Amino acid sequence: MPSARSAWGIDIGNRALKAIKLVRDGDRFRVDDFEIIEHEQILSQAGDNKESLLQTALAHFMERHETKNSVVGVSVSGQQSFARFIKLPPVEPKKIPEIVRFEAIQQIPFPSTTLNGAISSSRNPIRRMSRSASSR
């Protein structure tokens, strides 16, 4: 599959969804399109309506723009993300997932049912792991 010639960057802010499309033009990039879709209400004041407002903004964006052949990147606000490094004790490799789950429960300030996460490890003798998560 050939590499994508365009990419959308989407930032979902407290007041609006902001998007920009870059297109590769030889060895340069140019802005091809952009969109600002204001939310009907400020997200931090939306309470239980926040998810509906986000879905509406994303639906409006998808109605107006084709993303099929583009790379799409979406930002995650710092208030909804979390990253920590943990130093693992010397244990058998098969016990590492159990230790990482325990550390996540202890350190991540979001309910575990609302998390998307990733784990990466360094291959050095210290056995340091990176744990990142974002709230849905």
Protein backbone atom coordinates (compact mmCIF):
# COMPACT_ATOMS: atom_id res chain seq x y z
CA MET A 1 0.00 0.00 0.00
CA PRO A 2 1.45 3.43 -0.91
CA SER A 3 2.00 5.85 1.94
CA ALA A 4 -0.71 8.41 2.62
CA ARG A 5 -0.26 11.74 0.88
CA SER A 6 -2.41 13.60 3.39
CA ALA A 7 -3.01 13.75 7.12
CA TRP A 8 -5.68 15.25 9.35
CA GLY A 9 -4.75 16.59 12.78
CA ILE A 10 -7.76 16.90 15.10
CA ASP A 11 -7.79 18.71 18.43
CA ILE A 12 -10.90 18.31 20.55
CA GLY A 13 -10.85 21.31 22.83
CA ASN A 14 -13.14 22.55 25.56
CA ARG A 15 -14.91 24.98 23.21
CA ALA A 16 -14.46 23.47 19.74
CA LEU A 17 -13.19 20.68 17.52
CA LYS A 18 -10.33 22.06 15.43
CA ALA A 19 -8.95 20.17 12.46
CA ILE A 20 -6.29 20.79 9.83
CA LYS A 21 -5.43 18.76 6.74
CA LEU A 22 -1.87 18.66 5.44
CA VAL A 23 -1.03 17.32 1.99
CA ARG A 24 2.40 16.15 0.85
CA ASP A 25 3.49 18.14 -2.17
CA GLY A 26 6.84 16.74 -3.27
CA ASP A 27 9.17 17.16 -0.31
CA ARG A 28 6.97 19.83 1.31
CA PHE A 29 3.61 19.94 3.03
CA ARG A 30 0.83 22.41 2.46
CA VAL A 31 -2.37 23.18 4.35
CA ASP A 32 -5.18 21.84 2.19
CA ASP A 33 -8.19 22.31 4.48
CA PHE A 34 -9.19 23.22 8.00
CA GLU A 35 -12.33 23.23 10.14
CA ILE A 36 -13.44 24.69 13.44
CA ILE A 37 -16.66 23.25 14.83
CA GLU A 38 -17.77 24.99 18.02
CA HIS A 39 -19.52 22.92 20.65
CA GLU A 40 -23.03 24.01 21.60
CA GLN A 41 -21.86 24.22 25.21
CA ILE A 42 -18.42 24.40 26.87
CA LEU A 43 -17.41 20.79 27.52
CA SER A 44 -16.21 21.43 31.07
CA GLN A 45 -19.72 22.67 31.91
CA ALA A 46 -21.63 20.02 29.93
CA GLY A 47 -21.89 17.38 32.66
CA ASP A 48 -23.57 14.23 31.34
CA ASN A 49 -24.03 15.89 27.93
CA LYS A 50 -20.27 15.96 27.17
CA GLU A 51 -20.17 12.69 25.23
CA SER A 52 -23.15 13.72 23.11
CA LEU A 53 -21.49 17.06 22.27
CA LEU A 54 -18.30 15.27 21.24
CA GLN A 55 -20.21 12.81 19.06
CA THR A 56 -22.10 15.67 17.39
CA ALA A 57 -18.90 17.58 16.62
CA LEU A 58 -17.19 14.47 15.21
CA ALA A 59 -20.28 13.58 13.14
CA HIS A 60 -20.34 17.11 11.67
CA PHE A 61 -16.65 16.80 10.82
CA MET A 62 -17.10 13.40 9.17
CA GLU A 63 -20.09 14.66 7.13
CA ARG A 64 -18.01 17.49 5.69
CA HIS A 65 -14.62 15.82 5.15
CA GLU A 66 -13.30 12.64 3.55
CA THR A 67 -10.65 10.93 5.69
CA LYS A 68 -10.54 7.50 4.02
CA ASN A 69 -7.11 7.83 2.37
CA SER A 70 -5.55 10.07 5.02
CA VAL A 71 -3.69 9.47 8.23
CA VAL A 72 -5.75 10.86 11.13
CA GLY A 73 -4.27 11.93 14.47
CA VAL A 74 -6.42 13.02 17.41
CA SER A 75 -5.06 14.86 20.44
CA VAL A 76 -5.82 13.84 24.00
CA SER A 77 -6.03 16.57 26.62
CA GLY A 78 -3.59 16.52 29.50
CA GLN A 79 -6.52 16.25 31.91
CA GLN A 80 -7.52 12.94 30.35
CA SER A 81 -4.09 11.35 30.03
CA PHE A 82 -1.53 9.95 32.39
CA ALA A 83 2.02 8.61 32.01
CA ARG A 84 4.38 7.14 34.60
CA PHE A 85 7.58 5.13 34.66
CA ILE A 86 7.79 2.24 37.09
CA LYS A 87 10.83 0.27 38.16
CA LEU A 88 9.99 -3.41 38.37
CA PRO A 89 11.31 -5.70 41.07
CA PRO A 90 13.27 -8.76 39.92
CA VAL A 91 10.52 -11.24 39.02
CA GLU A 92 9.90 -13.91 36.43
CA PRO A 93 8.81 -12.47 33.06
CA LYS A 94 5.43 -14.23 33.27
CA LYS A 95 4.59 -12.22 36.44
CA ILE A 96 5.23 -8.83 34.84
CA PRO A 97 1.63 -8.30 33.55
CA GLU A 98 0.28 -8.93 37.08
CA ILE A 99 2.72 -6.42 38.60
CA VAL A 100 1.93 -3.83 35.94
CA ARG A 101 -1.83 -4.22 36.60
CA PHE A 102 -1.22 -3.76 40.34
CA GLU A 103 0.91 -0.65 39.72
CA ALA A 104 -1.74 0.77 37.38
CA ILE A 105 -4.45 0.36 40.01
CA GLN A 106 -2.23 2.08 42.58
CA GLN A 107 -1.02 4.97 40.42
CA ILE A 108 -3.61 5.87 37.78
CA PRO A 109 -6.21 8.38 39.04
CA PHE A 110 -9.01 7.22 36.70
CA PRO A 111 -11.47 4.36 37.19
CA SER A 112 -10.00 1.30 35.46
CA THR A 113 -13.24 0.76 33.51
CA THR A 114 -12.72 4.07 31.66
CA LEU A 115 -9.13 3.51 30.53
CA ASN A 116 -7.35 2.87 27.28
CA GLY A 117 -3.71 2.05 27.94
CA ALA A 118 -0.33 1.05 26.62
CA ILE A 119 2.74 -0.46 28.20
CA SER A 120 6.27 -0.43 26.88
CA SER A 121 9.42 -1.77 28.47
CA SER A 122 13.08 -1.04 28.11
CA ARG A 123 15.39 -3.97 27.58
CA ASN A 124 17.99 -2.79 30.05
CA PRO A 125 18.92 -4.59 33.28
CA ILE A 126 16.96 -2.09 35.41
CA ARG A 127 13.67 -3.28 33.87
CA ARG A 128 11.93 0.03 33.74
CA MET A 129 8.43 0.19 32.24
CA SER A 130 6.38 3.05 30.91
CA ARG A 131 2.64 3.01 31.64
CA SER A 132 0.37 5.45 29.85
CA ALA A 133 -3.37 5.67 29.91
CA SER A 134 -6.14 7.94 28.75
CA SER A 135 -9.66 8.30 30.02
CA ARG A 136 -12.40 7.57 27.48
